[in-house]
Amino acid sequence: MSVSSMVQIGNDTVDLNKPCDVVTALRKVKLSVVTGGIAQTVRLDGEEVTFTKANLTALNALIAEYETACARASGKTSRGRARRARWG
């Protein structure tokens, strides 16, 4: 039995092997949630997750993960991100 790399993200069906397409679909989900959508459902690897404003941080983390994969697939290198130090 083969596992399909096609997943449902919001209203889009995308291939997990094309991380840039995944990023685009996830950004659509985020836009929908942020602009007042009640919730959006994403199905990845047999798991179903419903994103709402309450777990927007998790959605942002997922987008960042696929943005990194997209950059690698496109041959772009990561410059890294500046880190903030907080002194108490």
C-alpha atoms as a PDB file:
ATOM      1  CA  MET A   1       0.000   0.000   0.000  1.00  0.00           C
ATOM      2  CA  SER A   2       1.451   3.362  -0.945  1.00  0.00           C
ATOM      3  CA  VAL A   3       0.961   6.523   1.018  1.00  0.00           C
ATOM      4  CA  SER A   4      -0.257   9.499  -0.965  1.00  0.00           C
ATOM      5  CA  SER A   5       1.611  12.760  -0.666  1.00  0.00           C
ATOM      6  CA  MET A   6      -1.565  14.677  -1.551  1.00  0.00           C
ATOM      7  CA  VAL A   7      -3.205  16.453   1.399  1.00  0.00           C
ATOM      8  CA  GLN A   8      -6.213  18.686   1.930  1.00  0.00           C
ATOM      9  CA  ILE A   9      -5.385  22.149   3.301  1.00  0.00           C
ATOM     10  CA  GLY A  10      -8.472  24.312   3.606  1.00  0.00           C
ATOM     11  CA  ASN A  11     -10.095  24.140   0.178  1.00  0.00           C
ATOM     12  CA  ASP A  12      -6.880  23.184  -1.640  1.00  0.00           C
ATOM     13  CA  THR A  13      -5.417  19.766  -2.352  1.00  0.00           C
ATOM     14  CA  VAL A  14      -1.627  20.026  -2.460  1.00  0.00           C
ATOM     15  CA  ASP A  15       1.378  17.721  -2.809  1.00  0.00           C
ATOM     16  CA  LEU A  16       3.600  17.574   0.300  1.00  0.00           C
ATOM     17  CA  ASN A  17       6.559  17.088  -2.038  1.00  0.00           C
ATOM     18  CA  LYS A  18       6.016  20.671  -3.247  1.00  0.00           C
ATOM     19  CA  PRO A  19       6.615  22.712  -0.070  1.00  0.00           C
ATOM     20  CA  CYS A  20       6.072  26.050  -1.834  1.00  0.00           C
ATOM     21  CA  ASP A  21       2.534  24.952  -2.739  1.00  0.00           C
ATOM     22  CA  VAL A  22       1.985  23.901   0.881  1.00  0.00           C
ATOM     23  CA  VAL A  23       3.129  27.350   2.075  1.00  0.00           C
ATOM     24  CA  THR A  24       0.677  29.062  -0.275  1.00  0.00           C
ATOM     25  CA  ALA A  25      -2.222  26.894   0.914  1.00  0.00           C
ATOM     26  CA  LEU A  26      -1.303  27.420   4.589  1.00  0.00           C
ATOM     27  CA  ARG A  27      -1.114  31.171   4.095  1.00  0.00           C
ATOM     28  CA  LYS A  28      -4.640  31.079   2.628  1.00  0.00           C
ATOM     29  CA  VAL A  29      -5.795  29.254   5.759  1.00  0.00           C
ATOM     30  CA  LYS A  30      -4.097  31.843   7.970  1.00  0.00           C
ATOM     31  CA  LEU A  31      -5.632  34.720   6.030  1.00  0.00           C
ATOM     32  CA  SER A  32      -9.064  33.164   6.386  1.00  0.00           C
ATOM     33  CA  VAL A  33      -8.663  32.674  10.142  1.00  0.00           C
ATOM     34  CA  VAL A  34      -7.206  36.134  10.760  1.00  0.00           C
ATOM     35  CA  THR A  35      -9.859  37.924   8.723  1.00  0.00           C
ATOM     36  CA  GLY A  36     -12.681  36.476  10.748  1.00  0.00           C
ATOM     37  CA  GLY A  37     -13.094  32.929   9.534  1.00  0.00           C
ATOM     38  CA  ILE A  38     -14.346  30.779  12.366  1.00  0.00           C
ATOM     39  CA  ALA A  39     -11.913  27.911  11.679  1.00  0.00           C
ATOM     40  CA  GLN A  40     -10.022  26.177   8.899  1.00  0.00           C
ATOM     41  CA  THR A  41      -9.211  22.467   8.740  1.00  0.00           C
ATOM     42  CA  VAL A  42      -5.912  21.040   7.506  1.00  0.00           C
ATOM     43  CA  ARG A  43      -5.357  17.327   6.862  1.00  0.00           C
ATOM     44  CA  LEU A  44      -1.678  16.272   6.962  1.00  0.00           C
ATOM     45  CA  ASP A  45      -0.285  12.745   7.268  1.00  0.00           C
ATOM     46  CA  GLY A  46      -3.633  11.276   8.239  1.00  0.00           C
ATOM     47  CA  GLU A  47      -4.106  13.865  10.972  1.00  0.00           C
ATOM     48  CA  GLU A  48      -6.824  16.496  10.904  1.00  0.00           C
ATOM     49  CA  VAL A  49      -6.174  19.812  12.648  1.00  0.00           C
ATOM     50  CA  THR A  50      -8.604  22.714  12.883  1.00  0.00           C
ATOM     51  CA  PHE A  51      -6.951  26.097  13.236  1.00  0.00           C
ATOM     52  CA  THR A  52      -8.667  28.998  14.956  1.00  0.00           C
ATOM     53  CA  LYS A  53      -7.405  32.315  16.285  1.00  0.00           C
ATOM     54  CA  ALA A  54      -6.673  30.507  19.545  1.00  0.00           C
ATOM     55  CA  ASN A  55      -3.918  28.369  17.975  1.00  0.00           C
ATOM     56  CA  LEU A  56      -2.583  30.807  15.379  1.00  0.00           C
ATOM     57  CA  THR A  57       0.919  30.344  16.834  1.00  0.00           C
ATOM     58  CA  ALA A  58       0.871  26.681  15.811  1.00  0.00           C
ATOM     59  CA  LEU A  59      -0.222  27.659  12.296  1.00  0.00           C
ATOM     60  CA  ASN A  60       2.611  30.213  12.082  1.00  0.00           C
ATOM     61  CA  ALA A  61       5.106  27.519  13.131  1.00  0.00           C
ATOM     62  CA  LEU A  62       3.797  25.157  10.444  1.00  0.00           C
ATOM     63  CA  ILE A  63       4.082  27.898   7.820  1.00  0.00           C
ATOM     64  CA  ALA A  64       7.674  28.648   8.911  1.00  0.00           C
ATOM     65  CA  GLU A  65       8.561  24.952   8.638  1.00  0.00           C
ATOM     66  CA  TYR A  66       7.289  24.727   5.063  1.00  0.00           C
ATOM     67  CA  GLU A  67       8.839  28.104   4.132  1.00  0.00           C
ATOM     68  CA  THR A  68      12.225  26.655   5.104  1.00  0.00           C
ATOM     69  CA  ALA A  69      11.556  23.522   3.042  1.00  0.00           C
ATOM     70  CA  CYS A  70      10.414  25.698   0.120  1.00  0.00           C
ATOM     71  CA  ALA A  71      13.602  27.771   0.297  1.00  0.00           C
ATOM     72  CA  ARG A  72      15.717  24.598   0.310  1.00  0.00           C
ATOM     73  CA  ALA A  73      13.773  23.150  -2.625  1.00  0.00           C
ATOM     74  CA  SER A  74      14.250  26.408  -4.528  1.00  0.00           C
ATOM     75  CA  GLY A  75      18.000  26.386  -3.873  1.00  0.00           C
ATOM     76  CA  LYS A  76      17.898  29.386  -1.558  1.00  0.00           C
ATOM     77  CA  THR A  77      19.984  29.385   1.579  1.00  0.00           C
ATOM     78  CA  SER A  78      18.753  30.571   4.925  1.00  0.00           C
ATOM     79  CA  ARG A  79      20.462  33.596   6.427  1.00  0.00           C
ATOM     80  CA  GLY A  80      19.187  32.726   9.864  1.00  0.00           C
ATOM     81  CA  ARG A  81      17.113  34.965  12.034  1.00  0.00           C
ATOM     82  CA  ALA A  82      18.213  37.543  14.524  1.00  0.00           C
ATOM     83  CA  ARG A  83      17.621  36.501  18.073  1.00  0.00           C
ATOM     84  CA  ARG A  84      16.389  38.873  20.717  1.00  0.00           C
ATOM     85  CA  ALA A  85      17.886  38.879  24.161  1.00  0.00           C
ATOM     86  CA  ARG A  86      15.733  39.911  27.043  1.00  0.00           C
ATOM     87  CA  TRP A  87      17.355  41.028  30.229  1.00  0.00           C
ATOM     88  CA  GLY A  88      15.204  40.859  33.319  1.00  0.00           C
END
